[in-house]
N, C-alpha and C. Protein backbone atom coordinates (compact mmCIF):
# COMPACT_ATOMS: atom_id res chain seq x y z
N MET A 1 28.99 -4.92 23.71
CA MET A 1 27.84 -4.27 24.12
C MET A 1 27.29 -3.17 22.97
N LYS A 2 28.17 -2.26 22.65
CA LYS A 2 27.92 -1.22 21.63
C LYS A 2 27.68 -1.89 20.36
N LYS A 3 28.45 -3.19 19.87
CA LYS A 3 28.14 -3.79 18.39
C LYS A 3 26.63 -4.22 18.37
N THR A 4 26.15 -4.66 19.61
CA THR A 4 24.86 -5.24 19.76
C THR A 4 23.87 -3.94 19.47
N SER A 5 23.97 -3.06 20.44
CA SER A 5 23.09 -1.69 20.35
C SER A 5 23.22 -1.19 18.89
N PHE A 6 24.34 -1.24 18.39
CA PHE A 6 24.41 -0.61 16.94
C PHE A 6 23.58 -1.40 15.92
N GLY A 7 23.81 -2.89 16.12
CA GLY A 7 23.04 -3.81 15.27
C GLY A 7 21.43 -3.81 15.57
N LEU A 8 21.05 -3.61 16.72
CA LEU A 8 19.84 -3.22 16.92
C LEU A 8 19.15 -2.35 16.24
N LEU A 9 19.92 -0.97 16.36
CA LEU A 9 19.59 0.14 15.88
C LEU A 9 19.25 0.23 14.34
N ILE A 10 20.48 -0.49 13.62
CA ILE A 10 20.50 -0.63 12.20
C ILE A 10 19.25 -1.44 11.89
N GLY A 11 18.87 -2.58 12.53
CA GLY A 11 17.79 -3.42 12.09
C GLY A 11 16.37 -2.81 12.38
N ALA A 12 16.38 -1.83 13.49
CA ALA A 12 15.28 -1.00 13.45
C ALA A 12 14.75 0.06 12.41
N PHE A 13 16.05 0.60 12.09
CA PHE A 13 16.00 1.51 10.90
C PHE A 13 15.52 0.68 9.68
N LEU A 14 16.28 -0.34 9.28
CA LEU A 14 15.64 -0.84 8.08
C LEU A 14 14.36 -1.63 8.13
N LEU A 15 13.70 -1.98 9.28
CA LEU A 15 12.38 -2.43 9.27
C LEU A 15 11.38 -1.41 9.16
N THR A 16 11.63 -0.20 9.74
CA THR A 16 11.00 1.00 9.66
C THR A 16 11.00 1.59 8.26
N ALA A 17 12.23 1.68 7.48
CA ALA A 17 12.30 2.10 6.13
C ALA A 17 11.55 1.30 5.15
N THR A 18 11.78 0.06 5.32
CA THR A 18 10.85 -1.07 4.42
C THR A 18 9.40 -1.04 4.47
N SER A 19 8.82 -0.85 5.95
CA SER A 19 7.52 -1.03 6.06
C SER A 19 6.85 0.37 5.48
N ALA A 20 7.61 1.34 5.42
CA ALA A 20 7.01 2.72 4.95
C ALA A 20 6.79 2.45 3.48
N TYR A 21 7.52 1.72 2.90
CA TYR A 21 7.41 1.60 1.28
C TYR A 21 7.12 0.36 0.95
N ALA A 22 6.51 -0.55 1.79
CA ALA A 22 5.99 -2.00 1.35
C ALA A 22 4.53 -1.91 0.55
N ALA A 23 4.56 -2.59 -0.14
CA ALA A 23 3.48 -2.88 -1.14
C ALA A 23 2.18 -2.73 -0.46
N ALA A 24 1.18 -2.49 -1.03
CA ALA A 24 -0.11 -2.26 -0.44
C ALA A 24 -0.78 -3.85 -0.41
N ASP A 25 -1.63 -3.95 0.47
CA ASP A 25 -2.31 -5.27 0.56
C ASP A 25 -3.84 -5.16 -0.10
N CYS A 26 -3.83 -5.44 -1.48
CA CYS A 26 -4.99 -5.36 -2.22
C CYS A 26 -5.59 -7.04 -2.27
N LYS A 27 -6.95 -7.02 -2.22
CA LYS A 27 -7.65 -8.18 -2.43
C LYS A 27 -7.56 -8.96 -3.78
N SER A 28 -7.55 -10.25 -3.76
CA SER A 28 -7.26 -11.02 -4.98
C SER A 28 -8.64 -11.07 -5.66
N TYR A 29 -8.75 -11.01 -6.72
CA TYR A 29 -9.92 -11.43 -7.60
C TYR A 29 -9.38 -12.16 -8.81
N PRO A 30 -10.52 -12.94 -9.34
CA PRO A 30 -10.22 -13.52 -10.81
C PRO A 30 -10.03 -12.59 -11.72
N LYS A 31 -9.12 -12.93 -12.77
CA LYS A 31 -8.87 -11.74 -13.49
C LYS A 31 -10.11 -11.34 -14.48
N GLU A 32 -11.10 -12.12 -14.81
CA GLU A 32 -12.24 -11.76 -15.37
C GLU A 32 -13.10 -10.57 -14.67
N GLU A 33 -12.85 -10.49 -13.48
CA GLU A 33 -13.47 -9.26 -12.41
C GLU A 33 -12.82 -8.13 -12.33
N TRP A 34 -11.57 -8.13 -12.93
CA TRP A 34 -10.66 -6.87 -12.77
C TRP A 34 -11.47 -5.90 -13.78
N ALA A 35 -11.49 -4.58 -13.38
CA ALA A 35 -11.68 -3.45 -14.03
C ALA A 35 -10.53 -3.21 -15.06
N SER A 36 -11.01 -2.56 -16.05
CA SER A 36 -9.85 -2.46 -17.24
C SER A 36 -8.91 -1.61 -16.84
N GLU A 37 -7.70 -1.63 -17.29
CA GLU A 37 -6.53 -0.81 -16.95
C GLU A 37 -6.96 0.68 -17.46
N GLN A 38 -7.49 0.40 -18.79
CA GLN A 38 -7.80 1.83 -19.68
C GLN A 38 -8.91 2.66 -18.68
N SER A 39 -9.76 1.97 -18.14
CA SER A 39 -11.08 3.22 -17.38
C SER A 39 -10.04 3.62 -16.34
N LEU A 40 -9.22 2.85 -15.78
CA LEU A 40 -8.39 3.62 -14.60
C LEU A 40 -7.76 4.58 -15.11
N LYS A 41 -6.77 4.70 -16.26
CA LYS A 41 -6.11 5.60 -16.84
C LYS A 41 -7.07 6.75 -17.28
N GLU A 42 -8.17 6.58 -17.73
CA GLU A 42 -9.03 7.55 -18.58
C GLU A 42 -9.57 8.26 -17.24
N ALA A 43 -9.88 7.52 -16.14
CA ALA A 43 -10.41 8.47 -15.00
C ALA A 43 -9.29 9.14 -14.30
N LEU A 44 -8.25 8.84 -14.34
CA LEU A 44 -7.06 9.61 -13.51
C LEU A 44 -6.91 10.62 -14.44
N ASP A 45 -6.81 10.52 -15.75
CA ASP A 45 -6.27 11.76 -16.96
C ASP A 45 -7.56 12.69 -16.54
N ALA A 46 -8.94 12.23 -16.56
CA ALA A 46 -9.93 13.12 -16.22
C ALA A 46 -9.72 14.06 -15.11
N GLU A 47 -9.29 13.54 -14.08
CA GLU A 47 -8.87 14.13 -12.76
C GLU A 47 -7.62 15.11 -12.57
N GLY A 48 -6.78 15.12 -13.55
CA GLY A 48 -5.64 15.90 -13.95
C GLY A 48 -4.33 15.11 -13.66
N TYR A 49 -4.41 13.82 -13.38
CA TYR A 49 -3.22 13.00 -13.07
C TYR A 49 -2.36 12.87 -14.40
N THR A 50 -0.92 12.92 -14.29
CA THR A 50 -0.20 12.36 -15.18
C THR A 50 0.44 11.01 -14.70
N ILE A 51 0.25 10.08 -15.53
CA ILE A 51 0.78 8.89 -15.29
C ILE A 51 2.27 8.35 -15.97
N LYS A 52 3.20 8.41 -15.29
CA LYS A 52 4.55 8.01 -15.74
C LYS A 52 4.67 6.59 -16.12
N LYS A 53 4.24 5.77 -15.12
CA LYS A 53 4.44 4.40 -15.11
C LYS A 53 2.93 3.78 -14.59
N PHE A 54 2.60 2.68 -15.17
CA PHE A 54 1.40 1.67 -14.77
C PHE A 54 1.74 0.37 -14.83
N LYS A 55 1.56 -0.29 -13.75
CA LYS A 55 1.93 -1.53 -13.53
C LYS A 55 1.14 -2.42 -12.80
N ILE A 56 1.07 -3.71 -12.84
CA ILE A 56 0.45 -4.57 -11.73
C ILE A 56 1.34 -4.86 -10.81
N ASP A 57 1.01 -4.60 -9.64
CA ASP A 57 1.98 -5.06 -8.34
C ASP A 57 1.23 -6.03 -7.29
N GLY A 58 1.40 -7.31 -7.69
CA GLY A 58 0.79 -8.27 -6.84
C GLY A 58 -0.71 -8.31 -7.24
N ASN A 59 -1.83 -7.99 -6.57
CA ASN A 59 -3.03 -7.99 -6.48
C ASN A 59 -3.53 -6.50 -6.92
N CYS A 60 -2.69 -5.54 -7.09
CA CYS A 60 -2.98 -4.03 -7.11
C CYS A 60 -2.51 -3.50 -8.55
N TYR A 61 -3.36 -2.37 -9.07
CA TYR A 61 -2.89 -1.71 -10.15
C TYR A 61 -2.06 -0.73 -9.47
N GLU A 62 -0.92 -0.28 -9.83
CA GLU A 62 0.02 0.83 -9.31
C GLU A 62 0.32 1.69 -10.41
N ILE A 63 0.21 3.02 -9.91
CA ILE A 63 0.75 4.15 -10.83
C ILE A 63 1.83 4.95 -10.11
N TYR A 64 2.62 5.36 -10.92
CA TYR A 64 3.86 6.65 -10.51
C TYR A 64 3.47 7.53 -11.45
N GLY A 65 3.27 8.76 -10.77
CA GLY A 65 3.06 9.93 -11.65
C GLY A 65 2.90 11.11 -10.95
N ARG A 66 2.44 11.99 -11.22
CA ARG A 66 1.91 13.46 -10.77
C ARG A 66 0.48 13.65 -10.52
N ASN A 67 -0.05 14.27 -9.50
CA ASN A 67 -1.32 14.65 -9.31
C ASN A 67 -1.75 16.04 -10.01
N LYS A 68 -2.73 16.53 -9.92
CA LYS A 68 -3.11 17.82 -10.70
C LYS A 68 -2.32 19.07 -10.12
N GLU A 69 -1.60 18.92 -8.88
CA GLU A 69 -0.92 19.90 -8.27
C GLU A 69 0.46 19.76 -8.89
N GLY A 70 0.83 18.75 -9.47
CA GLY A 70 2.25 18.52 -10.00
C GLY A 70 2.90 17.70 -9.21
N LYS A 71 2.51 17.43 -7.94
CA LYS A 71 3.36 16.48 -7.02
C LYS A 71 3.33 15.07 -7.50
N LYS A 72 4.55 14.40 -6.97
CA LYS A 72 4.91 13.08 -7.41
C LYS A 72 4.04 12.30 -6.50
N VAL A 73 3.44 11.29 -7.16
CA VAL A 73 2.46 10.32 -6.36
C VAL A 73 2.80 8.75 -6.63
N GLU A 74 2.56 7.87 -5.76
CA GLU A 74 2.43 6.50 -5.98
C GLU A 74 1.11 6.01 -5.36
N ILE A 75 0.36 5.40 -6.17
CA ILE A 75 -1.17 5.12 -5.53
C ILE A 75 -1.35 3.60 -5.94
N TYR A 76 -1.68 2.98 -5.20
CA TYR A 76 -2.06 1.42 -5.42
C TYR A 76 -3.56 1.30 -5.54
N PHE A 77 -4.39 0.81 -6.38
CA PHE A 77 -5.71 0.71 -6.52
C PHE A 77 -6.33 -0.98 -6.60
N ASP A 78 -7.22 -1.02 -5.91
CA ASP A 78 -8.12 -2.35 -5.94
C ASP A 78 -8.59 -2.59 -7.42
N MET A 79 -8.18 -3.78 -7.87
CA MET A 79 -8.09 -4.21 -9.40
C MET A 79 -9.82 -4.20 -9.87
N LYS A 80 -10.67 -4.78 -8.71
CA LYS A 80 -12.14 -4.78 -9.22
C LYS A 80 -12.79 -3.38 -8.92
N THR A 81 -12.58 -2.86 -8.08
CA THR A 81 -13.26 -1.58 -7.72
C THR A 81 -12.57 -0.29 -7.85
N LEU A 82 -11.34 -0.28 -8.21
CA LEU A 82 -10.64 0.95 -8.36
C LEU A 82 -10.48 1.65 -7.27
N ALA A 83 -10.76 1.37 -6.29
CA ALA A 83 -10.71 2.09 -4.91
C ALA A 83 -9.34 2.37 -4.73
N ILE A 84 -8.80 3.56 -4.03
CA ILE A 84 -7.47 3.64 -3.69
C ILE A 84 -7.19 2.68 -2.39
N VAL A 85 -6.28 2.00 -2.35
CA VAL A 85 -5.81 1.12 -1.27
C VAL A 85 -4.46 1.81 -0.65
N LYS A 86 -3.89 2.50 -1.26
CA LYS A 86 -2.53 3.09 -0.61
C LYS A 86 -2.34 4.31 -1.56
N ALA A 87 -2.04 5.32 -0.82
CA ALA A 87 -1.39 6.52 -1.73
C ALA A 87 -0.25 7.15 -0.92
N ILE A 88 0.92 7.39 -1.61
CA ILE A 88 1.96 7.71 -1.16
C ILE A 88 2.52 9.08 -1.82
N GLY A 89 2.69 10.15 -1.24
CA GLY A 89 3.16 11.42 -1.90
C GLY A 89 4.66 11.22 -1.87
N LEU A 90 5.34 11.42 -3.01
CA LEU A 90 6.73 11.30 -2.84
C LEU A 90 7.38 12.87 -3.19
N LYS A 91 8.48 12.75 -2.59
CA LYS A 91 9.10 14.07 -2.56
C LYS A 91 9.76 14.39 -3.95
N ASP A 92 9.69 15.62 -4.50
CA ASP A 92 10.19 15.88 -5.69
C ASP A 92 11.78 15.98 -5.84
């Protein structure tokens, strides 16, 4: 009985942990409709962000970096509108 309860507890923990860091669900667009990576980088730079890593994750642009307050962030953007789809503040 204890083995089953422990297994359920671990399963629930893993499900919770992975869902908290699951990738964003961005809409898919044809590549010719994507906004340029450079326009997003320039807009973020103008707002005081520092980009450490910029990548394409599925149907999203994703950045890892720091906001203007210097706090670590992970942000997913819609590839056409550049709207924020998901933002995560990471602990330093």
